Amino acid sequence: MNEDDKRNCYKCRFFYVTWEPAHPNGCRALGFKSRQLPSVTVFQSSGKPCEYFKEKKK
């Protein structure tokens, strides 16, 4: 993954932190929880950067 393909989940409006120690990171857009950041899981699964990334409003 090069710098242009990276998505920062912490800046995404769909990212949330769960209360589950085994799956601490979640994505509301894709509807899953993961140990890794959702953007990493999406890239490993599809080979493409996350297309649902939307920057949080300030």
N, C-alpha and C. Protein backbone atom coordinates (compact mmCIF):
# COMPACT_ATOMS: atom_id res chain seq x y z
N MET A 1 0.86 -1.17 0.00
CA MET A 1 0.00 0.00 0.00
C MET A 1 0.90 1.23 0.00
N ASN A 2 0.75 2.08 -0.99
CA ASN A 2 1.55 3.30 -1.02
C ASN A 2 0.84 4.43 -0.27
N GLU A 3 1.48 5.56 -0.18
CA GLU A 3 0.95 6.68 0.62
C GLU A 3 -0.39 7.19 0.07
N ASP A 4 -0.58 7.15 -1.24
CA ASP A 4 -1.82 7.64 -1.83
C ASP A 4 -3.02 6.74 -1.51
N ASP A 5 -2.76 5.46 -1.26
CA ASP A 5 -3.83 4.50 -0.99
C ASP A 5 -4.21 4.41 0.48
N LYS A 6 -3.44 4.97 1.36
CA LYS A 6 -3.71 4.84 2.80
C LYS A 6 -4.92 5.68 3.21
N ARG A 7 -5.74 5.10 4.03
CA ARG A 7 -6.89 5.79 4.61
C ARG A 7 -6.70 5.78 6.12
N ASN A 8 -6.88 6.90 6.76
CA ASN A 8 -6.74 7.00 8.20
C ASN A 8 -8.11 6.86 8.84
N CYS A 9 -8.38 5.69 9.39
CA CYS A 9 -9.70 5.42 9.98
C CYS A 9 -10.02 6.39 11.10
N TYR A 10 -9.04 6.87 11.81
CA TYR A 10 -9.29 7.78 12.92
C TYR A 10 -9.88 9.10 12.44
N LYS A 11 -9.73 9.42 11.16
CA LYS A 11 -10.28 10.64 10.60
C LYS A 11 -11.57 10.39 9.82
N CYS A 12 -12.05 9.15 9.82
CA CYS A 12 -13.24 8.78 9.06
C CYS A 12 -14.49 8.86 9.93
N ARG A 13 -15.58 9.36 9.36
CA ARG A 13 -16.82 9.50 10.13
C ARG A 13 -17.49 8.17 10.44
N PHE A 14 -17.12 7.09 9.74
CA PHE A 14 -17.72 5.78 9.97
C PHE A 14 -16.98 4.93 10.98
N PHE A 15 -15.79 5.34 11.39
CA PHE A 15 -14.98 4.58 12.34
C PHE A 15 -15.51 4.76 13.76
N TYR A 16 -15.47 3.69 14.54
CA TYR A 16 -15.81 3.79 15.96
C TYR A 16 -15.01 2.76 16.75
N VAL A 17 -14.87 3.02 18.03
CA VAL A 17 -14.17 2.11 18.94
C VAL A 17 -15.22 1.31 19.68
N THR A 18 -15.06 -0.01 19.69
CA THR A 18 -16.02 -0.88 20.36
C THR A 18 -15.57 -1.17 21.79
N TRP A 19 -16.41 -1.84 22.53
CA TRP A 19 -16.07 -2.26 23.89
C TRP A 19 -15.54 -3.68 23.92
N GLU A 20 -15.41 -4.30 22.77
CA GLU A 20 -14.96 -5.69 22.70
C GLU A 20 -13.43 -5.75 22.59
N PRO A 21 -12.76 -6.34 23.58
CA PRO A 21 -11.30 -6.43 23.53
C PRO A 21 -10.78 -7.21 22.32
N ALA A 22 -11.52 -8.21 21.87
CA ALA A 22 -11.07 -9.01 20.73
C ALA A 22 -11.25 -8.28 19.39
N HIS A 23 -12.19 -7.33 19.35
CA HIS A 23 -12.49 -6.58 18.12
C HIS A 23 -12.69 -5.11 18.47
N PRO A 24 -11.61 -4.38 18.74
CA PRO A 24 -11.74 -3.02 19.25
C PRO A 24 -12.09 -1.94 18.23
N ASN A 25 -11.97 -2.23 16.93
CA ASN A 25 -12.20 -1.22 15.90
C ASN A 25 -13.39 -1.62 15.03
N GLY A 26 -14.24 -0.64 14.72
CA GLY A 26 -15.41 -0.94 13.92
C GLY A 26 -15.62 0.05 12.80
N CYS A 27 -16.37 -0.38 11.79
CA CYS A 27 -16.72 0.46 10.65
C CYS A 27 -18.22 0.40 10.46
N ARG A 28 -18.90 1.54 10.61
CA ARG A 28 -20.35 1.57 10.45
C ARG A 28 -20.75 1.45 8.98
N ALA A 29 -19.93 1.94 8.07
CA ALA A 29 -20.27 1.89 6.64
C ALA A 29 -20.28 0.45 6.12
N LEU A 30 -19.32 -0.34 6.55
CA LEU A 30 -19.21 -1.71 6.08
C LEU A 30 -19.82 -2.72 7.05
N GLY A 31 -20.11 -2.29 8.27
CA GLY A 31 -20.79 -3.14 9.24
C GLY A 31 -19.97 -4.27 9.80
N PHE A 32 -18.72 -4.02 10.15
CA PHE A 32 -17.92 -5.07 10.78
C PHE A 32 -17.00 -4.49 11.84
N LYS A 33 -16.52 -5.40 12.70
CA LYS A 33 -15.56 -5.07 13.75
C LYS A 33 -14.31 -5.89 13.50
N SER A 34 -13.16 -5.35 13.92
CA SER A 34 -11.89 -6.01 13.61
C SER A 34 -10.84 -5.66 14.66
N ARG A 35 -9.83 -6.51 14.76
CA ARG A 35 -8.70 -6.20 15.63
C ARG A 35 -7.85 -5.12 14.98
N GLN A 36 -7.71 -5.19 13.66
CA GLN A 36 -6.94 -4.19 12.92
C GLN A 36 -7.84 -3.01 12.59
N LEU A 37 -7.23 -1.94 12.08
CA LEU A 37 -8.04 -0.84 11.59
C LEU A 37 -8.83 -1.34 10.38
N PRO A 38 -10.08 -0.92 10.25
CA PRO A 38 -10.89 -1.38 9.13
C PRO A 38 -10.26 -1.12 7.76
N SER A 39 -9.57 -0.02 7.59
CA SER A 39 -8.96 0.26 6.28
C SER A 39 -7.90 -0.77 5.92
N VAL A 40 -7.19 -1.29 6.91
CA VAL A 40 -6.18 -2.32 6.67
C VAL A 40 -6.87 -3.63 6.27
N THR A 41 -7.94 -3.97 6.96
CA THR A 41 -8.69 -5.19 6.64
C THR A 41 -9.27 -5.12 5.23
N VAL A 42 -9.83 -3.96 4.87
CA VAL A 42 -10.40 -3.79 3.53
C VAL A 42 -9.32 -3.94 2.47
N PHE A 43 -8.16 -3.32 2.68
CA PHE A 43 -7.08 -3.40 1.70
C PHE A 43 -6.57 -4.83 1.55
N GLN A 44 -6.44 -5.55 2.67
CA GLN A 44 -5.97 -6.94 2.60
C GLN A 44 -6.98 -7.84 1.89
N SER A 45 -8.25 -7.56 2.06
CA SER A 45 -9.29 -8.38 1.44
C SER A 45 -9.48 -8.10 -0.05
N SER A 46 -9.45 -6.82 -0.42
CA SER A 46 -9.80 -6.46 -1.79
C SER A 46 -8.61 -6.01 -2.63
N GLY A 47 -7.53 -5.60 -1.97
CA GLY A 47 -6.39 -5.06 -2.71
C GLY A 47 -6.58 -3.61 -3.12
N LYS A 48 -7.69 -3.00 -2.66
CA LYS A 48 -7.99 -1.61 -2.99
C LYS A 48 -8.18 -0.82 -1.70
N PRO A 49 -7.92 0.48 -1.73
CA PRO A 49 -8.19 1.28 -0.53
C PRO A 49 -9.69 1.38 -0.28
N CYS A 50 -10.05 1.66 0.94
CA CYS A 50 -11.46 1.76 1.31
C CYS A 50 -12.14 2.87 0.52
N GLU A 51 -13.24 2.52 -0.13
CA GLU A 51 -13.97 3.49 -0.95
C GLU A 51 -15.06 4.22 -0.15
N TYR A 52 -15.29 3.81 1.09
CA TYR A 52 -16.31 4.44 1.92
C TYR A 52 -15.74 5.55 2.81
N PHE A 53 -14.46 5.81 2.73
CA PHE A 53 -13.82 6.81 3.59
C PHE A 53 -14.44 8.19 3.36
N LYS A 54 -14.90 8.79 4.45
CA LYS A 54 -15.42 10.17 4.43
C LYS A 54 -14.80 10.88 5.62
N GLU A 55 -14.14 11.98 5.35
CA GLU A 55 -13.48 12.72 6.43
C GLU A 55 -14.52 13.31 7.38
N LYS A 56 -14.19 13.27 8.68
CA LYS A 56 -15.09 13.82 9.70
C LYS A 56 -15.22 15.32 9.51
N LYS A 57 -16.40 15.82 9.84
CA LYS A 57 -16.60 17.27 9.82
C LYS A 57 -15.94 17.84 11.05
N LYS A 58 -15.37 18.98 10.90
CA LYS A 58 -14.65 19.61 12.02
C LYS A 58 -15.57 20.44 12.86
